[in-house]
Amino acid sequence: MDLVSLDIFRTVVEEGSVTGAARRLDRVQSNVTTRLRQLEADLGVALFSRDGRRMTLTYEGRVLLDYAHRLQSLVAEARAALMPGAERLRLGAMESTAASRLPGPLARFRAIRPDAVIDLVTGPTDRLVGDVVGHRLDCALVARPPIRLLADDPLPHPELTERTVVTEDLLLVAPAGAGENQPPAALAVLEPGCTYRRIAENLLVRPAAAEGRMVRVHQLNSYHAVMACVAAGTASGVMPRSVFTLLAPPEDLRVRSLGPVETVLVARRDYRSAGFETLAALLAEVA
C-alpha cells in the first residue's frame, strides 16, 4: 500500500470505473487494474464487488476510502507547510453564503495570497459537514440553527471546531396577497440537508401536520428558482435576508423573519494551514 495506489483507488471510486480513472490519471486501463489487484492482494481483502463493468465498494473498500481521503488531506497539509506556494485550500459553502458573503473575502484572499488556490464547492450543511469530517474538504461555511432547534442538526460535532462568521436573518417570503402571519399552504425550499429547510420544516410544516393541515413542500435547485416560485404565487419561500436583497424581489411580497441563524466556519480540530488562517481572518472581518 502506497500513496500512488491509494490515489488510483480513490480515483476509481470517484469516477465509478477503471476506464474513467485511467482517462483522468492519464494511465492505461491495464495499469490501473493491476495496481488495484496489487492493493487488494497486499491488504488481503476485496475492495470492490465486480459485476461485469460495474464496480461497487465492499465494506472493506468503504473503510479504506475514508483512510485514503485522510491521507490525501495530510499529504496536502505537509506540502503546504513545506512549500507554501503549493497550498490548495478545499473550501465548502452553502449556496447562499457563496453568493452573498464570499466574493469580497475571496477577492482579498487572492490579493494577499496569490500563491494559494481555493477550490470552492457548494452544498447543503449536512453534506458539507460530512465532507469536512471525512477529509474531502478542509473547511466549510455552514449554518447552525438556534439552540432550541439543534436536536437533529449535525452541529456541534466533536471532531470539528467552529468559528462564527455572520448571523443571518432567515426569512419566510410569501406571495403578494398572502395573509399576514398566516401559515403557508406550500413551501419552496432547497434539497434535504439544508439547515434553512430543516428550520422551516420544524417551525412551519411539522406544527401544521400536528394540527391536521398539510403544507406541500416544493424542492428546488436554487434561490433564484425559489424566488420565481414565490413571485408566481405557487408557494412561500425560505431564504436568508442577504440573498433576498441580492435577488431584486418584487415589492409586493410579504416578508417575515423566522429568526437569526449563525453561519460558522468549521474545520477538523487537527487541521492547520496558513491559507486557512488567512481566510478565517478575512471572514472575521466580515463578522
Protein backbone atom coordinates (compact mmCIF):
# COMPACT_ATOMS: atom_id res chain seq x y z
CA MET A 1 0.00 0.00 0.00
CA ASP A 2 1.45 3.36 -1.06
CA LEU A 3 0.14 6.83 -1.83
CA VAL A 4 0.06 6.24 -5.59
CA SER A 5 -2.03 3.08 -5.21
CA LEU A 6 -4.37 4.84 -2.79
CA ASP A 7 -4.77 7.74 -5.22
CA ILE A 8 -5.61 5.31 -8.02
CA PHE A 9 -8.12 3.53 -5.75
CA ARG A 10 -9.75 6.83 -4.75
CA THR A 11 -9.97 7.98 -8.37
CA VAL A 12 -11.64 4.72 -9.45
CA VAL A 13 -14.24 5.27 -6.71
CA GLU A 14 -14.84 8.88 -7.78
CA GLU A 15 -15.06 8.05 -11.49
CA GLY A 16 -17.09 4.89 -10.95
CA SER A 17 -14.97 2.82 -13.32
CA VAL A 18 -11.44 1.82 -14.26
CA THR A 19 -11.95 3.41 -17.67
CA GLY A 20 -12.82 6.80 -16.21
CA ALA A 21 -9.98 6.65 -13.69
CA ALA A 22 -7.45 5.72 -16.37
CA ARG A 23 -8.57 8.63 -18.52
CA ARG A 24 -8.38 11.09 -15.61
CA LEU A 25 -4.97 9.82 -14.43
CA ASP A 26 -3.59 9.51 -17.96
CA ARG A 27 -2.78 5.84 -17.45
CA VAL A 28 -3.62 2.74 -19.47
CA GLN A 29 -6.53 0.72 -18.12
CA SER A 30 -4.41 -2.39 -17.57
CA ASN A 31 -2.08 -0.40 -15.27
CA VAL A 32 -5.00 0.84 -13.15
CA THR A 33 -6.43 -2.68 -12.93
CA THR A 34 -3.05 -4.12 -11.95
CA ARG A 35 -2.49 -1.54 -9.21
CA LEU A 36 -5.94 -2.25 -7.77
CA ARG A 37 -5.31 -6.00 -7.72
CA GLN A 38 -1.91 -5.48 -6.11
CA LEU A 39 -3.52 -3.29 -3.44
CA GLU A 40 -6.19 -5.91 -2.74
CA ALA A 41 -3.53 -8.64 -2.56
CA ASP A 42 -1.41 -6.57 -0.18
CA LEU A 43 -4.37 -5.92 2.13
CA GLY A 44 -5.83 -9.39 1.77
CA VAL A 45 -9.36 -8.12 1.11
CA ALA A 46 -11.60 -7.36 -1.86
CA LEU A 47 -12.16 -3.62 -2.24
CA PHE A 48 -14.79 -3.86 -4.98
CA SER A 49 -17.66 -6.17 -5.84
CA ARG A 50 -17.38 -6.65 -9.59
CA ASP A 51 -20.41 -7.31 -11.78
CA GLY A 52 -19.20 -7.00 -15.35
CA ARG A 53 -18.03 -3.40 -15.74
CA ARG A 54 -19.93 -2.28 -12.68
CA MET A 55 -17.79 -1.82 -9.55
CA THR A 56 -19.31 -1.41 -6.09
CA LEU A 57 -17.32 -0.75 -2.94
CA THR A 58 -17.27 -3.54 -0.38
CA TYR A 59 -17.38 -2.78 3.34
CA GLU A 60 -13.57 -3.00 3.41
CA GLY A 61 -13.41 -0.67 0.43
CA ARG A 62 -15.52 1.94 2.23
CA VAL A 63 -13.23 1.72 5.26
CA LEU A 64 -10.13 2.16 3.11
CA LEU A 65 -11.71 5.08 1.23
CA ASP A 66 -12.03 7.01 4.48
CA TYR A 67 -8.34 6.47 5.21
CA ALA A 68 -7.41 7.37 1.64
CA HIS A 69 -9.17 10.75 2.00
CA ARG A 70 -7.48 11.37 5.34
CA LEU A 71 -4.03 10.51 3.97
CA GLN A 72 -4.57 12.73 0.93
CA SER A 73 -5.51 15.57 3.28
CA LEU A 74 -2.38 15.03 5.39
CA VAL A 75 -0.17 14.99 2.29
CA ALA A 76 -1.71 18.28 1.16
CA GLU A 77 -1.11 19.79 4.61
CA ALA A 78 2.51 18.63 4.56
CA ARG A 79 3.09 20.14 1.11
CA ALA A 80 1.51 23.42 2.20
CA ALA A 81 3.68 23.55 5.32
CA LEU A 82 6.92 22.83 3.44
CA MET A 83 6.08 24.60 0.16
CA PRO A 84 3.60 27.46 0.86
CA GLY A 85 3.38 28.26 -2.85
CA ALA A 86 1.75 24.89 -3.47
CA GLU A 87 -1.09 25.35 -0.97
CA ARG A 88 -4.58 24.35 -2.07
CA LEU A 89 -7.50 25.03 0.27
CA ARG A 90 -10.63 22.94 -0.26
CA LEU A 91 -13.50 25.16 0.89
CA GLY A 92 -17.15 24.25 1.09
CA ALA A 93 -20.00 26.73 1.42
CA MET A 94 -23.76 26.89 1.30
CA GLU A 95 -25.05 28.35 -1.96
CA SER A 96 -26.47 31.37 -0.12
CA THR A 97 -23.15 32.10 1.62
CA ALA A 98 -21.15 31.70 -1.59
CA ALA A 99 -23.39 34.23 -3.33
CA SER A 100 -23.81 36.86 -0.63
CA ARG A 101 -20.79 36.65 1.69
CA LEU A 102 -17.79 35.15 -0.11
CA PRO A 103 -16.97 37.29 -3.20
CA GLY A 104 -15.31 40.08 -1.18
CA PRO A 105 -13.21 37.88 1.17
CA LEU A 106 -12.14 35.58 -1.67
CA ALA A 107 -11.00 38.53 -3.78
CA ARG A 108 -8.96 39.81 -0.84
CA PHE A 109 -7.56 36.33 -0.21
CA ARG A 110 -6.32 36.20 -3.79
CA ALA A 111 -4.66 39.60 -3.40
CA ILE A 112 -2.95 38.58 -0.14
CA ARG A 113 -2.08 35.00 -1.12
CA PRO A 114 -1.66 34.84 -4.93
CA ASP A 115 0.42 31.69 -4.42
CA ALA A 116 -2.50 29.74 -2.89
CA VAL A 117 -5.51 28.20 -4.63
CA ILE A 118 -9.03 27.83 -3.24
CA ASP A 119 -11.21 25.02 -4.57
CA LEU A 120 -14.79 26.06 -3.79
CA VAL A 121 -17.72 23.65 -3.75
CA THR A 122 -21.29 24.36 -2.65
CA GLY A 123 -23.85 22.15 -0.98
CA PRO A 124 -26.20 21.80 1.99
CA THR A 125 -24.90 21.94 5.54
CA ASP A 126 -25.22 18.21 6.28
CA ARG A 127 -23.18 17.18 3.25
CA LEU A 128 -20.51 19.83 3.84
CA VAL A 129 -20.07 18.82 7.49
CA GLY A 130 -19.71 15.18 6.42
CA ASP A 131 -17.13 16.13 3.80
CA VAL A 132 -15.03 18.05 6.33
CA VAL A 133 -15.18 15.18 8.83
CA GLY A 134 -14.33 12.74 6.01
CA HIS A 135 -11.31 14.81 4.88
CA ARG A 136 -12.88 15.54 1.49
CA LEU A 137 -12.92 19.25 2.40
CA ASP A 138 -10.55 21.23 4.60
CA CYS A 139 -13.18 23.64 5.93
CA ALA A 140 -16.72 24.78 5.22
CA LEU A 141 -19.16 27.60 5.87
CA VAL A 142 -22.37 26.08 7.20
CA ALA A 143 -25.46 27.10 9.14
CA ARG A 144 -26.02 26.44 12.82
CA PRO A 145 -29.62 26.98 13.96
CA PRO A 146 -30.71 28.35 17.35
CA ILE A 147 -30.14 26.01 20.31
CA ARG A 148 -33.84 25.16 20.56
CA LEU A 149 -33.73 23.66 17.04
CA LEU A 150 -30.43 21.76 17.31
CA ALA A 151 -31.95 18.32 18.01
CA ASP A 152 -31.44 16.85 14.51
CA ASP A 153 -28.58 19.10 13.39
CA PRO A 154 -25.05 17.84 12.56
CA LEU A 155 -23.52 20.59 14.75
CA PRO A 156 -21.86 20.75 17.17
CA HIS A 157 -19.60 17.88 16.06
CA PRO A 158 -16.91 16.50 18.41
CA GLU A 159 -14.28 16.37 15.63
CA LEU A 160 -14.81 19.94 14.41
CA THR A 161 -14.03 23.46 15.57
CA GLU A 162 -16.47 26.29 14.87
CA ARG A 163 -15.89 30.00 14.30
CA THR A 164 -18.91 32.25 13.95
CA VAL A 165 -18.68 34.33 10.77
CA VAL A 166 -22.01 36.12 10.48
CA THR A 167 -25.58 35.89 11.76
CA GLU A 168 -28.20 35.68 9.03
CA ASP A 169 -31.83 36.76 9.35
CA LEU A 170 -33.84 33.83 7.96
CA LEU A 171 -36.95 34.97 6.10
CA LEU A 172 -40.26 33.48 5.09
CA VAL A 173 -41.15 35.19 1.81
CA ALA A 174 -44.81 34.88 0.86
CA PRO A 175 -46.60 35.79 -2.40
CA ALA A 176 -48.45 39.07 -2.71
CA GLY A 177 -51.87 38.87 -1.07
CA ALA A 178 -50.91 36.18 1.42
CA GLY A 179 -52.39 36.66 4.87
CA GLU A 180 -50.07 38.25 7.42
CA ASN A 181 -48.63 35.66 9.86
CA GLN A 182 -50.76 33.01 8.15
CA PRO A 183 -49.09 29.58 7.76
CA PRO A 184 -48.21 28.82 4.11
CA ALA A 185 -50.09 26.18 2.15
CA ALA A 186 -46.92 25.36 0.19
CA LEU A 187 -43.24 25.89 0.90
CA ALA A 188 -40.39 26.27 -1.62
CA VAL A 189 -37.03 25.07 -0.24
CA LEU A 190 -33.70 23.60 -1.31
CA GLU A 191 -32.57 19.96 -1.01
CA PRO A 192 -32.63 17.85 2.18
CA GLY A 193 -29.65 18.52 4.42
CA CYS A 194 -30.16 22.27 4.10
CA THR A 195 -30.35 23.79 7.59
CA TYR A 196 -32.68 26.56 6.43
CA ARG A 197 -35.08 23.93 5.09
CA ARG A 198 -34.88 21.99 8.35
CA ILE A 199 -35.69 25.12 10.36
CA ALA A 200 -38.69 25.90 8.15
CA GLU A 201 -39.96 22.33 8.47
CA ASN A 202 -39.58 22.45 12.27
CA LEU A 203 -41.34 25.80 12.57
CA LEU A 204 -43.99 25.52 9.84
CA VAL A 205 -44.50 22.05 8.37
CA ARG A 206 -44.49 19.85 11.47
CA PRO A 207 -46.76 22.08 13.59
CA ALA A 208 -49.25 22.20 10.71
CA ALA A 209 -49.17 18.40 10.43
CA ALA A 210 -49.83 18.11 14.16
CA GLU A 211 -52.98 20.21 13.62
CA GLY A 212 -54.10 18.06 10.69
CA ARG A 213 -53.05 20.53 7.97
CA MET A 214 -50.67 19.63 5.17
CA VAL A 215 -48.03 22.04 3.88
CA ARG A 216 -46.83 20.96 0.43
CA VAL A 217 -43.05 21.10 0.06
CA HIS A 218 -41.56 22.08 -3.31
CA GLN A 219 -37.87 21.16 -3.61
CA LEU A 220 -35.94 23.45 -5.96
CA ASN A 221 -32.32 23.76 -7.08
CA SER A 222 -31.56 27.42 -6.37
CA TYR A 223 -32.75 30.53 -4.59
CA HIS A 224 -33.48 32.10 -7.97
CA ALA A 225 -35.98 29.30 -8.57
CA VAL A 226 -37.41 29.75 -5.06
CA MET A 227 -37.96 33.46 -5.72
CA ALA A 228 -39.58 32.73 -9.08
CA CYS A 229 -41.92 30.26 -7.36
CA VAL A 230 -42.90 32.89 -4.78
CA ALA A 231 -43.40 35.60 -7.42
CA ALA A 232 -45.68 33.23 -9.35
CA GLY A 233 -47.79 32.70 -6.22
CA THR A 234 -47.07 28.96 -6.16
CA ALA A 235 -45.55 28.81 -2.68
CA SER A 236 -43.83 30.73 0.08
CA GLY A 237 -40.05 30.55 0.13
CA VAL A 238 -37.34 30.39 2.77
CA MET A 239 -34.02 32.23 2.38
CA PRO A 240 -31.62 34.47 4.33
CA ARG A 241 -32.16 38.21 4.04
CA SER A 242 -28.71 38.65 2.44
CA VAL A 243 -29.83 36.52 -0.51
CA PHE A 244 -33.29 38.07 -0.62
CA THR A 245 -31.78 41.52 -1.21
CA LEU A 246 -29.50 40.16 -3.96
CA LEU A 247 -32.42 38.77 -5.95
CA ALA A 248 -34.19 42.13 -6.51
CA PRO A 249 -37.58 40.78 -5.33
CA PRO A 250 -40.94 42.25 -6.34
CA GLU A 251 -42.02 44.98 -3.94
CA ASP A 252 -45.41 43.49 -3.06
CA LEU A 253 -44.15 40.27 -1.45
CA ARG A 254 -44.88 39.65 2.22
CA VAL A 255 -41.78 39.04 4.33
CA ARG A 256 -41.41 37.96 7.94
CA SER A 257 -38.43 36.82 9.96
CA LEU A 258 -38.06 33.26 11.21
CA GLY A 259 -35.20 34.34 13.46
CA PRO A 260 -31.39 34.52 13.48
CA VAL A 261 -29.22 31.69 12.18
CA GLU A 262 -25.44 31.70 12.60
CA THR A 263 -23.08 30.93 9.74
CA VAL A 264 -19.97 29.21 11.12
CA LEU A 265 -16.62 28.20 9.64
CA VAL A 266 -15.93 24.57 10.58
CA ALA A 267 -12.69 22.63 10.27
CA ARG A 268 -11.23 19.48 11.78
CA ARG A 269 -9.59 20.00 15.16
CA ASP A 270 -6.26 18.70 13.86
CA TYR A 271 -6.27 20.78 10.66
CA ARG A 272 -3.63 23.50 10.29
CA SER A 273 -2.65 25.64 7.31
CA ALA A 274 -1.56 29.21 6.66
CA GLY A 275 -4.21 29.63 3.95
CA PHE A 276 -6.97 28.57 6.32
CA GLU A 277 -5.87 31.07 8.96
CA THR A 278 -5.73 33.83 6.32
CA LEU A 279 -9.25 33.02 5.14
CA ALA A 280 -10.56 32.77 8.73
CA ALA A 281 -9.14 36.23 9.49
CA LEU A 282 -10.77 37.74 6.38
CA LEU A 283 -14.11 36.17 7.29
CA ALA A 284 -13.79 37.51 10.83
CA GLU A 285 -13.60 41.00 9.33
CA VAL A 286 -16.95 40.31 7.63
CA ALA A 287 -18.43 39.47 11.03
